[in-house]
Amino acid sequence: MNFVIEWLEQHMAPCFYKKFIGVECPGCGMQRSIIALLKGDFYESFLLYPPLSLILFLISLLIIHLSFDLKYGAKLLKWLFILNAVVIVVSFVIKQIKGNDVCCGP
């Protein structure tokens, strides 16, 4: 697992929005958050990119729904997707207001 974490740290993609426009994108911090999560640092992962836990839950629920055809799975996925979008936008706005310089790559 350490090999995977080291490889991910060395091959992080730069943020094109930050590079060309000078503004962090709504996904800035996700790569570092995933690496922190793989290291077992849940608090740091949440601070770097708060929507990550909801995104992972959404993906897990999608896989379960596709495998077992849950009765209310589609409705739940729709509302969870909307919640994810709202959390991503709110997180992005807060990051822009705070001026937090945590981004997704070098």
PDB file of N, CA and C in Angstrom:
ATOM      1  N   MET A   1       0.828  -1.195   0.000  1.00  0.00           N
ATOM      2  CA  MET A   1       0.000   0.000   0.000  1.00  0.00           C
ATOM      3  C   MET A   1       0.873   1.260   0.000  1.00  0.00           C
ATOM      4  N   ASN A   2       2.011   1.201   0.681  1.00  0.00           N
ATOM      5  CA  ASN A   2       2.897   2.360   0.700  1.00  0.00           C
ATOM      6  C   ASN A   2       3.396   2.701  -0.697  1.00  0.00           C
ATOM      7  N   PHE A   3       3.609   1.669  -1.513  1.00  0.00           N
ATOM      8  CA  PHE A   3       4.047   1.896  -2.890  1.00  0.00           C
ATOM      9  C   PHE A   3       2.988   2.689  -3.659  1.00  0.00           C
ATOM     10  N   VAL A   4       1.742   2.322  -3.479  1.00  0.00           N
ATOM     11  CA  VAL A   4       0.640   3.013  -4.168  1.00  0.00           C
ATOM     12  C   VAL A   4       0.562   4.467  -3.717  1.00  0.00           C
ATOM     13  N   ILE A   5       0.662   4.691  -2.413  1.00  0.00           N
ATOM     14  CA  ILE A   5       0.583   6.054  -1.872  1.00  0.00           C
ATOM     15  C   ILE A   5       1.747   6.894  -2.392  1.00  0.00           C
ATOM     16  N   GLU A   6       2.957   6.339  -2.358  1.00  0.00           N
ATOM     17  CA  GLU A   6       4.121   7.073  -2.858  1.00  0.00           C
ATOM     18  C   GLU A   6       3.977   7.377  -4.349  1.00  0.00           C
ATOM     19  N   TRP A   7       3.483   6.403  -5.121  1.00  0.00           N
ATOM     20  CA  TRP A   7       3.303   6.622  -6.544  1.00  0.00           C
ATOM     21  C   TRP A   7       2.281   7.732  -6.791  1.00  0.00           C
ATOM     22  N   LEU A   8       1.173   7.706  -6.049  1.00  0.00           N
ATOM     23  CA  LEU A   8       0.154   8.741  -6.201  1.00  0.00           C
ATOM     24  C   LEU A   8       0.699  10.113  -5.847  1.00  0.00           C
ATOM     25  N   GLU A   9       1.501  10.187  -4.781  1.00  0.00           N
ATOM     26  CA  GLU A   9       2.075  11.471  -4.379  1.00  0.00           C
ATOM     27  C   GLU A   9       3.030  12.019  -5.431  1.00  0.00           C
ATOM     28  N   GLN A  10       3.734  11.156  -6.100  1.00  0.00           N
ATOM     29  CA  GLN A  10       4.702  11.591  -7.106  1.00  0.00           C
ATOM     30  C   GLN A  10       4.054  11.895  -8.464  1.00  0.00           C
ATOM     31  N   HIS A  11       2.841  11.412  -8.684  1.00  0.00           N
ATOM     32  CA  HIS A  11       2.193  11.579  -9.986  1.00  0.00           C
ATOM     33  C   HIS A  11       0.871  12.339  -9.897  1.00  0.00           C
ATOM     34  N   MET A  12       0.818  13.321  -9.024  1.00  0.00           N
ATOM     35  CA  MET A  12      -0.410  14.108  -8.902  1.00  0.00           C
ATOM     36  C   MET A  12      -0.546  15.048 -10.096  1.00  0.00           C
ATOM     37  N   ALA A  13      -1.736  15.116 -10.633  1.00  0.00           N
ATOM     38  CA  ALA A  13      -2.002  16.004 -11.770  1.00  0.00           C
ATOM     39  C   ALA A  13      -2.145  17.436 -11.274  1.00  0.00           C
ATOM     40  N   PRO A  14      -1.575  18.384 -11.993  1.00  0.00           N
ATOM     41  CA  PRO A  14      -1.735  19.786 -11.595  1.00  0.00           C
ATOM     42  C   PRO A  14      -3.153  20.276 -11.904  1.00  0.00           C
ATOM     43  N   CYS A  15      -3.562  21.272 -11.193  1.00  0.00           N
ATOM     44  CA  CYS A  15      -4.883  21.870 -11.421  1.00  0.00           C
ATOM     45  C   CYS A  15      -4.780  22.862 -12.582  1.00  0.00           C
ATOM     46  N   PHE A  16      -5.454  22.560 -13.685  1.00  0.00           N
ATOM     47  CA  PHE A  16      -5.377  23.429 -14.857  1.00  0.00           C
ATOM     48  C   PHE A  16      -6.076  24.765 -14.629  1.00  0.00           C
ATOM     49  N   TYR A  17      -7.151  24.761 -13.856  1.00  0.00           N
ATOM     50  CA  TYR A  17      -7.829  26.020 -13.533  1.00  0.00           C
ATOM     51  C   TYR A  17      -6.880  26.942 -12.784  1.00  0.00           C
ATOM     52  N   LYS A  18      -6.225  26.394 -11.779  1.00  0.00           N
ATOM     53  CA  LYS A  18      -5.296  27.184 -10.964  1.00  0.00           C
ATOM     54  C   LYS A  18      -4.124  27.667 -11.815  1.00  0.00           C
ATOM     55  N   LYS A  19      -3.649  26.806 -12.702  1.00  0.00           N
ATOM     56  CA  LYS A  19      -2.488  27.129 -13.521  1.00  0.00           C
ATOM     57  C   LYS A  19      -2.792  28.220 -14.555  1.00  0.00           C
ATOM     58  N   PHE A  20      -3.937  28.115 -15.232  1.00  0.00           N
ATOM     59  CA  PHE A  20      -4.233  29.032 -16.328  1.00  0.00           C
ATOM     60  C   PHE A  20      -5.141  30.192 -15.954  1.00  0.00           C
ATOM     61  N   ILE A  21      -6.047  29.977 -15.020  1.00  0.00           N
ATOM     62  CA  ILE A  21      -6.996  31.024 -14.651  1.00  0.00           C
ATOM     63  C   ILE A  21      -6.606  31.684 -13.330  1.00  0.00           C
ATOM     64  N   GLY A  22      -5.908  30.933 -12.482  1.00  0.00           N
ATOM     65  CA  GLY A  22      -5.487  31.477 -11.196  1.00  0.00           C
ATOM     66  C   GLY A  22      -6.501  31.257 -10.094  1.00  0.00           C
ATOM     67  N   VAL A  23      -7.533  30.455 -10.359  1.00  0.00           N
ATOM     68  CA  VAL A  23      -8.579  30.170  -9.380  1.00  0.00           C
ATOM     69  C   VAL A  23      -8.650  28.655  -9.186  1.00  0.00           C
ATOM     70  N   GLU A  24      -8.805  28.246  -7.939  1.00  0.00           N
ATOM     71  CA  GLU A  24      -8.940  26.813  -7.679  1.00  0.00           C
ATOM     72  C   GLU A  24     -10.259  26.299  -8.239  1.00  0.00           C
ATOM     73  N   CYS A  25     -10.236  25.076  -8.732  1.00  0.00           N
ATOM     74  CA  CYS A  25     -11.451  24.474  -9.284  1.00  0.00           C
ATOM     75  C   CYS A  25     -12.271  23.828  -8.161  1.00  0.00           C
ATOM     76  N   PRO A  26     -13.512  23.448  -8.439  1.00  0.00           N
ATOM     77  CA  PRO A  26     -14.332  22.804  -7.413  1.00  0.00           C
ATOM     78  C   PRO A  26     -13.790  21.452  -6.944  1.00  0.00           C
ATOM     79  N   GLY A  27     -12.852  20.873  -7.686  1.00  0.00           N
ATOM     80  CA  GLY A  27     -12.282  19.584  -7.307  1.00  0.00           C
ATOM     81  C   GLY A  27     -10.916  19.691  -6.650  1.00  0.00           C
ATOM     82  N   CYS A  28     -10.426  20.917  -6.475  1.00  0.00           N
ATOM     83  CA  CYS A  28      -9.103  21.097  -5.878  1.00  0.00           C
ATOM     84  C   CYS A  28      -9.069  20.508  -4.474  1.00  0.00           C
ATOM     85  N   GLY A  29      -8.060  19.718  -4.229  1.00  0.00           N
ATOM     86  CA  GLY A  29      -7.888  19.075  -2.936  1.00  0.00           C
ATOM     87  C   GLY A  29      -8.293  17.616  -2.927  1.00  0.00           C
ATOM     88  N   MET A  30      -8.973  17.161  -3.982  1.00  0.00           N
ATOM     89  CA  MET A  30      -9.465  15.786  -4.000  1.00  0.00           C
ATOM     90  C   MET A  30      -8.324  14.767  -4.024  1.00  0.00           C
ATOM     91  N   GLN A  31      -7.303  15.022  -4.829  1.00  0.00           N
ATOM     92  CA  GLN A  31      -6.191  14.073  -4.893  1.00  0.00           C
ATOM     93  C   GLN A  31      -5.498  13.944  -3.543  1.00  0.00           C
ATOM     94  N   ARG A  32      -5.207  15.070  -2.927  1.00  0.00           N
ATOM     95  CA  ARG A  32      -4.551  15.047  -1.614  1.00  0.00           C
ATOM     96  C   ARG A  32      -5.466  14.417  -0.568  1.00  0.00           C
ATOM     97  N   SER A  33      -6.760  14.642  -0.702  1.00  0.00           N
ATOM     98  CA  SER A  33      -7.724  14.051   0.224  1.00  0.00           C
ATOM     99  C   SER A  33      -7.754  12.531   0.096  1.00  0.00           C
ATOM    100  N   ILE A  34      -7.692  12.033  -1.125  1.00  0.00           N
ATOM    101  CA  ILE A  34      -7.673  10.579  -1.346  1.00  0.00           C
ATOM    102  C   ILE A  34      -6.406   9.974  -0.750  1.00  0.00           C
ATOM    103  N   ILE A  35      -5.277  10.651  -0.941  1.00  0.00           N
ATOM    104  CA  ILE A  35      -4.021  10.154  -0.379  1.00  0.00           C
ATOM    105  C   ILE A  35      -4.085  10.141   1.139  1.00  0.00           C
ATOM    106  N   ALA A  36      -4.622  11.205   1.741  1.00  0.00           N
ATOM    107  CA  ALA A  36      -4.764  11.244   3.198  1.00  0.00           C
ATOM    108  C   ALA A  36      -5.690  10.131   3.681  1.00  0.00           C
ATOM    109  N   LEU A  37      -6.747   9.860   2.935  1.00  0.00           N
ATOM    110  CA  LEU A  37      -7.681   8.787   3.291  1.00  0.00           C
ATOM    111  C   LEU A  37      -6.988   7.427   3.209  1.00  0.00           C
ATOM    112  N   LEU A  38      -6.174   7.222   2.189  1.00  0.00           N
ATOM    113  CA  LEU A  38      -5.436   5.967   2.060  1.00  0.00           C
ATOM    114  C   LEU A  38      -4.420   5.790   3.186  1.00  0.00           C
ATOM    115  N   LYS A  39      -3.907   6.903   3.691  1.00  0.00           N
ATOM    116  CA  LYS A  39      -2.977   6.850   4.825  1.00  0.00           C
ATOM    117  C   LYS A  39      -3.703   6.628   6.142  1.00  0.00           C
ATOM    118  N   GLY A  40      -5.039   6.745   6.132  1.00  0.00           N
ATOM    119  CA  GLY A  40      -5.829   6.542   7.336  1.00  0.00           C
ATOM    120  C   GLY A  40      -6.079   7.811   8.122  1.00  0.00           C
ATOM    121  N   ASP A  41      -5.738   8.966   7.555  1.00  0.00           N
ATOM    122  CA  ASP A  41      -5.938  10.246   8.225  1.00  0.00           C
ATOM    123  C   ASP A  41      -7.272  10.846   7.764  1.00  0.00           C
ATOM    124  N   PHE A  42      -8.355  10.416   8.408  1.00  0.00           N
ATOM    125  CA  PHE A  42      -9.704  10.813   7.992  1.00  0.00           C
ATOM    126  C   PHE A  42      -9.963  12.304   8.201  1.00  0.00           C
ATOM    127  N   TYR A  43      -9.448  12.859   9.297  1.00  0.00           N
ATOM    128  CA  TYR A  43      -9.662  14.274   9.600  1.00  0.00           C
ATOM    129  C   TYR A  43      -8.978  15.148   8.542  1.00  0.00           C
ATOM    130  N   GLU A  44      -7.731  14.839   8.236  1.00  0.00           N
ATOM    131  CA  GLU A  44      -7.003  15.595   7.216  1.00  0.00           C
ATOM    132  C   GLU A  44      -7.680  15.452   5.850  1.00  0.00           C
ATOM    133  N   SER A  45      -8.155  14.263   5.555  1.00  0.00           N
ATOM    134  CA  SER A  45      -8.861  14.024   4.307  1.00  0.00           C
ATOM    135  C   SER A  45     -10.099  14.909   4.213  1.00  0.00           C
ATOM    136  N   PHE A  46     -10.850  14.997   5.297  1.00  0.00           N
ATOM    137  CA  PHE A  46     -12.054  15.834   5.313  1.00  0.00           C
ATOM    138  C   PHE A  46     -11.700  17.310   5.150  1.00  0.00           C
ATOM    139  N   LEU A  47     -10.632  17.757   5.810  1.00  0.00           N
ATOM    140  CA  LEU A  47     -10.230  19.159   5.694  1.00  0.00           C
ATOM    141  C   LEU A  47      -9.781  19.513   4.279  1.00  0.00           C
ATOM    142  N   LEU A  48      -9.122  18.590   3.608  1.00  0.00           N
ATOM    143  CA  LEU A  48      -8.639  18.862   2.259  1.00  0.00           C
ATOM    144  C   LEU A  48      -9.768  18.922   1.237  1.00  0.00           C
ATOM    145  N   TYR A  49     -10.754  18.025   1.371  1.00  0.00           N
ATOM    146  CA  TYR A  49     -11.866  18.003   0.413  1.00  0.00           C
ATOM    147  C   TYR A  49     -13.092  17.385   1.075  1.00  0.00           C
ATOM    148  N   PRO A  50     -13.927  18.202   1.718  1.00  0.00           N
ATOM    149  CA  PRO A  50     -15.089  17.687   2.456  1.00  0.00           C
ATOM    150  C   PRO A  50     -16.049  16.818   1.651  1.00  0.00           C
ATOM    151  N   PRO A  51     -16.305  17.075   0.366  1.00  0.00           N
ATOM    152  CA  PRO A  51     -17.272  16.244  -0.367  1.00  0.00           C
ATOM    153  C   PRO A  51     -16.812  14.815  -0.657  1.00  0.00           C
ATOM    154  N   LEU A  52     -15.556  14.480  -0.406  1.00  0.00           N
ATOM    155  CA  LEU A  52     -15.049  13.164  -0.790  1.00  0.00           C
ATOM    156  C   LEU A  52     -15.823  12.017  -0.148  1.00  0.00           C
ATOM    157  N   SER A  53     -16.153  12.137   1.125  1.00  0.00           N
ATOM    158  CA  SER A  53     -16.873  11.042   1.788  1.00  0.00           C
ATOM    159  C   SER A  53     -18.249  10.826   1.163  1.00  0.00           C
ATOM    160  N   LEU A  54     -18.934  11.903   0.809  1.00  0.00           N
ATOM    161  CA  LEU A  54     -20.234  11.772   0.143  1.00  0.00           C
ATOM    162  C   LEU A  54     -20.091  11.175  -1.257  1.00  0.00           C
ATOM    163  N   ILE A  55     -19.049  11.551  -1.958  1.00  0.00           N
ATOM    164  CA  ILE A  55     -18.820  11.008  -3.294  1.00  0.00           C
ATOM    165  C   ILE A  55     -18.559   9.510  -3.216  1.00  0.00           C
ATOM    166  N   LEU A  56     -17.747   9.092  -2.264  1.00  0.00           N
ATOM    167  CA  LEU A  56     -17.463   7.663  -2.091  1.00  0.00           C
ATOM    168  C   LEU A  56     -18.733   6.897  -1.703  1.00  0.00           C
ATOM    169  N   PHE A  57     -19.567   7.513  -0.855  1.00  0.00           N
ATOM    170  CA  PHE A  57     -20.840   6.883  -0.483  1.00  0.00           C
ATOM    171  C   PHE A  57     -21.753   6.769  -1.701  1.00  0.00           C
ATOM    172  N   LEU A  58     -21.794   7.807  -2.533  1.00  0.00           N
ATOM    173  CA  LEU A  58     -22.607   7.790  -3.750  1.00  0.00           C
ATOM    174  C   LEU A  58     -22.153   6.678  -4.693  1.00  0.00           C
ATOM    175  N   ILE A  59     -20.861   6.549  -4.890  1.00  0.00           N
ATOM    176  CA  ILE A  59     -20.332   5.502  -5.771  1.00  0.00           C
ATOM    177  C   ILE A  59     -20.656   4.122  -5.208  1.00  0.00           C
ATOM    178  N   SER A  60     -20.498   3.953  -3.895  1.00  0.00           N
ATOM    179  CA  SER A  60     -20.810   2.663  -3.263  1.00  0.00           C
ATOM    180  C   SER A  60     -22.283   2.314  -3.431  1.00  0.00           C
ATOM    181  N   LEU A  61     -23.158   3.289  -3.186  1.00  0.00           N
ATOM    182  CA  LEU A  61     -24.594   3.052  -3.332  1.00  0.00           C
ATOM    183  C   LEU A  61     -24.955   2.743  -4.787  1.00  0.00           C
ATOM    184  N   LEU A  62     -24.303   3.415  -5.716  1.00  0.00           N
ATOM    185  CA  LEU A  62     -24.550   3.147  -7.136  1.00  0.00           C
ATOM    186  C   LEU A  62     -24.190   1.702  -7.477  1.00  0.00           C
ATOM    187  N   ILE A  63     -23.037   1.239  -7.006  1.00  0.00           N
ATOM    188  CA  ILE A  63     -22.625  -0.144  -7.268  1.00  0.00           C
ATOM    189  C   ILE A  63     -23.599  -1.134  -6.645  1.00  0.00           C
ATOM    190  N   ILE A  64     -24.028  -0.862  -5.414  1.00  0.00           N
ATOM    191  CA  ILE A  64     -24.991  -1.745  -4.741  1.00  0.00           C
ATOM    192  C   ILE A  64     -26.320  -1.750  -5.492  1.00  0.00           C
ATOM    193  N   HIS A  65     -26.775  -0.565  -5.903  1.00  0.00           N
ATOM    194  CA  HIS A  65     -28.051  -0.480  -6.625  1.00  0.00           C
ATOM    195  C   HIS A  65     -27.977  -1.215  -7.969  1.00  0.00           C
ATOM    196  N   LEU A  66     -26.878  -1.067  -8.667  1.00  0.00           N
ATOM    197  CA  LEU A  66     -26.737  -1.756  -9.952  1.00  0.00           C
ATOM    198  C   LEU A  66     -26.640  -3.268  -9.776  1.00  0.00           C
ATOM    199  N   SER A  67     -26.081  -3.692  -8.642  1.00  0.00           N
ATOM    200  CA  SER A  67     -25.937  -5.135  -8.393  1.00  0.00           C
ATOM    201  C   SER A  67     -27.226  -5.783  -7.897  1.00  0.00           C
ATOM    202  N   PHE A  68     -27.959  -5.071  -7.037  1.00  0.00           N
ATOM    203  CA  PHE A  68     -29.121  -5.676  -6.377  1.00  0.00           C
ATOM    204  C   PHE A  68     -30.458  -5.035  -6.730  1.00  0.00           C
ATOM    205  N   ASP A  69     -30.476  -4.009  -7.560  1.00  0.00           N
ATOM    206  CA  ASP A  69     -31.692  -3.320  -7.984  1.00  0.00           C
ATOM    207  C   ASP A  69     -32.583  -2.959  -6.790  1.00  0.00           C
ATOM    208  N   LEU A  70     -32.074  -2.070  -5.962  1.00  0.00           N
ATOM    209  CA  LEU A  70     -32.810  -1.628  -4.773  1.00  0.00           C
ATOM    210  C   LEU A  70     -34.126  -0.962  -5.161  1.00  0.00           C
ATOM    211  N   LYS A  71     -35.144  -1.140  -4.329  1.00  0.00           N
ATOM    212  CA  LYS A  71     -36.477  -0.626  -4.641  1.00  0.00           C
ATOM    213  C   LYS A  71     -36.469   0.898  -4.789  1.00  0.00           C
ATOM    214  N   TYR A  72     -35.862   1.602  -3.847  1.00  0.00           N
ATOM    215  CA  TYR A  72     -35.817   3.065  -3.896  1.00  0.00           C
ATOM    216  C   TYR A  72     -34.407   3.561  -4.215  1.00  0.00           C
ATOM    217  N   GLY A  73     -33.598   2.722  -4.811  1.00  0.00           N
ATOM    218  CA  GLY A  73     -32.216   3.064  -5.108  1.00  0.00           C
ATOM    219  C   GLY A  73     -32.070   4.247  -6.043  1.00  0.00           C
ATOM    220  N   ALA A  74     -32.879   4.295  -7.089  1.00  0.00           N
ATOM    221  CA  ALA A  74     -32.776   5.386  -8.067  1.00  0.00           C
ATOM    222  C   ALA A  74     -33.119   6.729  -7.437  1.00  0.00           C
ATOM    223  N   LYS A  75     -34.195   6.755  -6.627  1.00  0.00           N
ATOM    224  CA  LYS A  75     -34.573   8.000  -5.945  1.00  0.00           C
ATOM    225  C   LYS A  75     -33.492   8.435  -4.971  1.00  0.00           C
ATOM    226  N   LEU A  76     -32.977   7.485  -4.211  1.00  0.00           N
ATOM    227  CA  LEU A  76     -31.934   7.787  -3.240  1.00  0.00           C
ATOM    228  C   LEU A  76     -30.678   8.303  -3.942  1.00  0.00           C
ATOM    229  N   LEU A  77     -30.320   7.669  -5.049  1.00  0.00           N
ATOM    230  CA  LEU A  77     -29.155   8.124  -5.807  1.00  0.00           C
ATOM    231  C   LEU A  77     -29.359   9.534  -6.349  1.00  0.00           C
ATOM    232  N   LYS A  78     -30.567   9.827  -6.826  1.00  0.00           N
ATOM    233  CA  LYS A  78     -30.852  11.158  -7.354  1.00  0.00           C
ATOM    234  C   LYS A  78     -30.674  12.219  -6.278  1.00  0.00           C
ATOM    235  N   TRP A  79     -31.252  11.986  -5.092  1.00  0.00           N
ATOM    236  CA  TRP A  79     -31.143  12.957  -4.013  1.00  0.00           C
ATOM    237  C   TRP A  79     -29.735  13.052  -3.454  1.00  0.00           C
ATOM    238  N   LEU A  80     -29.037  11.935  -3.425  1.00  0.00           N
ATOM    239  CA  LEU A  80     -27.653  11.944  -2.966  1.00  0.00           C
ATOM    240  C   LEU A  80     -26.758  12.684  -3.967  1.00  0.00           C
ATOM    241  N   PHE A  81     -27.053  12.541  -5.246  1.00  0.00           N
ATOM    242  CA  PHE A  81     -26.315  13.292  -6.259  1.00  0.00           C
ATOM    243  C   PHE A  81     -26.530  14.792  -6.088  1.00  0.00           C
ATOM    244  N   ILE A  82     -27.779  15.191  -5.846  1.00  0.00           N
ATOM    245  CA  ILE A  82     -28.086  16.615  -5.623  1.00  0.00           C
ATOM    246  C   ILE A  82     -27.360  17.121  -4.383  1.00  0.00           C
ATOM    247  N   LEU A  83     -27.393  16.338  -3.303  1.00  0.00           N
ATOM    248  CA  LEU A  83     -26.690  16.713  -2.078  1.00  0.00           C
ATOM    249  C   LEU A  83     -25.190  16.857  -2.339  1.00  0.00           C
ATOM    250  N   ASN A  84     -24.620  15.931  -3.095  1.00  0.00           N
ATOM    251  CA  ASN A  84     -23.205  16.010  -3.449  1.00  0.00           C
ATOM    252  C   ASN A  84     -22.905  17.298  -4.200  1.00  0.00           C
ATOM    253  N   ALA A  85     -23.729  17.625  -5.170  1.00  0.00           N
ATOM    254  CA  ALA A  85     -23.516  18.842  -5.958  1.00  0.00           C
ATOM    255  C   ALA A  85     -23.568  20.074  -5.067  1.00  0.00           C
ATOM    256  N   VAL A  86     -24.532  20.118  -4.156  1.00  0.00           N
ATOM    257  CA  VAL A  86     -24.659  21.259  -3.241  1.00  0.00           C
ATOM    258  C   VAL A  86     -23.430  21.359  -2.338  1.00  0.00           C
ATOM    259  N   VAL A  87     -22.995  20.241  -1.782  1.00  0.00           N
ATOM    260  CA  VAL A  87     -21.828  20.256  -0.891  1.00  0.00           C
ATOM    261  C   VAL A  87     -20.577  20.679  -1.659  1.00  0.00           C
ATOM    262  N   ILE A  88     -20.414  20.221  -2.889  1.00  0.00           N
ATOM    263  CA  ILE A  88     -19.259  20.613  -3.696  1.00  0.00           C
ATOM    264  C   ILE A  88     -19.271  22.118  -3.955  1.00  0.00           C
ATOM    265  N   VAL A  89     -20.431  22.656  -4.327  1.00  0.00           N
ATOM    266  CA  VAL A  89     -20.534  24.091  -4.608  1.00  0.00           C
ATOM    267  C   VAL A  89     -20.303  24.910  -3.339  1.00  0.00           C
ATOM    268  N   VAL A  90     -20.914  24.514  -2.234  1.00  0.00           N
ATOM    269  CA  VAL A  90     -20.735  25.251  -0.969  1.00  0.00           C
ATOM    270  C   VAL A  90     -19.274  25.192  -0.531  1.00  0.00           C
ATOM    271  N   SER A  91     -18.659  24.026  -0.629  1.00  0.00           N
ATOM    272  CA  SER A  91     -17.256  23.879  -0.274  1.00  0.00           C
ATOM    273  C   SER A  91     -16.373  24.765  -1.152  1.00  0.00           C
ATOM    274  N   PHE A  92     -16.685  24.817  -2.442  1.00  0.00           N
ATOM    275  CA  PHE A  92     -15.934  25.648  -3.374  1.00  0.00           C
ATOM    276  C   PHE A  92     -16.067  27.129  -3.027  1.00  0.00           C
ATOM    277  N   VAL A  93     -17.284  27.564  -2.743  1.00  0.00           N
ATOM    278  CA  VAL A  93     -17.520  28.972  -2.401  1.00  0.00           C
ATOM    279  C   VAL A  93     -16.789  29.338  -1.110  1.00  0.00           C
ATOM    280  N   ILE A  94     -16.877  28.473  -0.103  1.00  0.00           N
ATOM    281  CA  ILE A  94     -16.182  28.736   1.159  1.00  0.00           C
ATOM    282  C   ILE A  94     -14.677  28.812   0.937  1.00  0.00           C
ATOM    283  N   LYS A  95     -14.156  27.908   0.108  1.00  0.00           N
ATOM    284  CA  LYS A  95     -12.724  27.911  -0.183  1.00  0.00           C
ATOM    285  C   LYS A  95     -12.318  29.212  -0.879  1.00  0.00           C
ATOM    286  N   GLN A  96     -13.175  29.714  -1.778  1.00  0.00           N
ATOM    287  CA  GLN A  96     -12.862  30.960  -2.476  1.00  0.00           C
ATOM    288  C   GLN A  96     -12.911  32.152  -1.526  1.00  0.00           C
ATOM    289  N   ILE A  97     -13.870  32.139  -0.611  1.00  0.00           N
ATOM    290  CA  ILE A  97     -13.992  33.236   0.344  1.00  0.00           C
ATOM    291  C   ILE A  97     -12.832  33.228   1.330  1.00  0.00           C
ATOM    292  N   LYS A  98     -12.515  32.037   1.837  1.00  0.00           N
ATOM    293  CA  LYS A  98     -11.416  31.912   2.799  1.00  0.00           C
ATOM    294  C   LYS A  98     -10.061  32.149   2.164  1.00  0.00           C
ATOM    295  N   GLY A  99      -9.949  31.865   0.872  1.00  0.00           N
ATOM    296  CA  GLY A  99      -8.672  31.990   0.208  1.00  0.00           C
ATOM    297  C   GLY A  99      -7.732  30.855   0.553  1.00  0.00           C
ATOM    298  N   ASN A 100      -8.299  29.687   0.853  1.00  0.00           N
ATOM    299  CA  ASN A 100      -7.520  28.521   1.213  1.00  0.00           C
ATOM    300  C   ASN A 100      -6.677  28.084   0.027  1.00  0.00           C
ATOM    301  N   ASP A 101      -5.383  27.880   0.218  1.00  0.00           N
ATOM    302  CA  ASP A 101      -4.494  27.549  -0.885  1.00  0.00           C
ATOM    303  C   ASP A 101      -4.151  26.060  -0.898  1.00  0.00           C
ATOM    304  N   VAL A 102      -5.141  25.224  -0.617  1.00  0.00           N
ATOM    305  CA  VAL A 102      -4.944  23.771  -0.711  1.00  0.00           C
ATOM    306  C   VAL A 102      -5.464  23.371  -2.083  1.00  0.00           C
ATOM    307  N   CYS A 103      -4.581  22.906  -2.925  1.00  0.00           N
ATOM    308  CA  CYS A 103      -5.006  22.549  -4.273  1.00  0.00           C
ATOM    309  C   CYS A 103      -4.627  21.121  -4.587  1.00  0.00           C
ATOM    310  N   CYS A 104      -4.989  20.709  -5.742  1.00  0.00           N
ATOM    311  CA  CYS A 104      -4.893  19.310  -6.110  1.00  0.00           C
ATOM    312  C   CYS A 104      -3.577  18.905  -6.729  1.00  0.00           C
ATOM    313  N   GLY A 105      -2.602  19.718  -6.754  1.00  0.00           N
ATOM    314  CA  GLY A 105      -1.327  19.287  -7.305  1.00  0.00           C
ATOM    315  C   GLY A 105      -0.327  20.414  -7.351  1.00  0.00           C
ATOM    316  N   PRO A 106       0.871  20.089  -7.782  1.00  0.00           N
ATOM    317  CA  PRO A 106       1.933  21.094  -7.835  1.00  0.00           C
ATOM    318  C   PRO A 106       1.687  22.154  -8.879  1.00  0.00           C
TER     319      PRO A 106
END
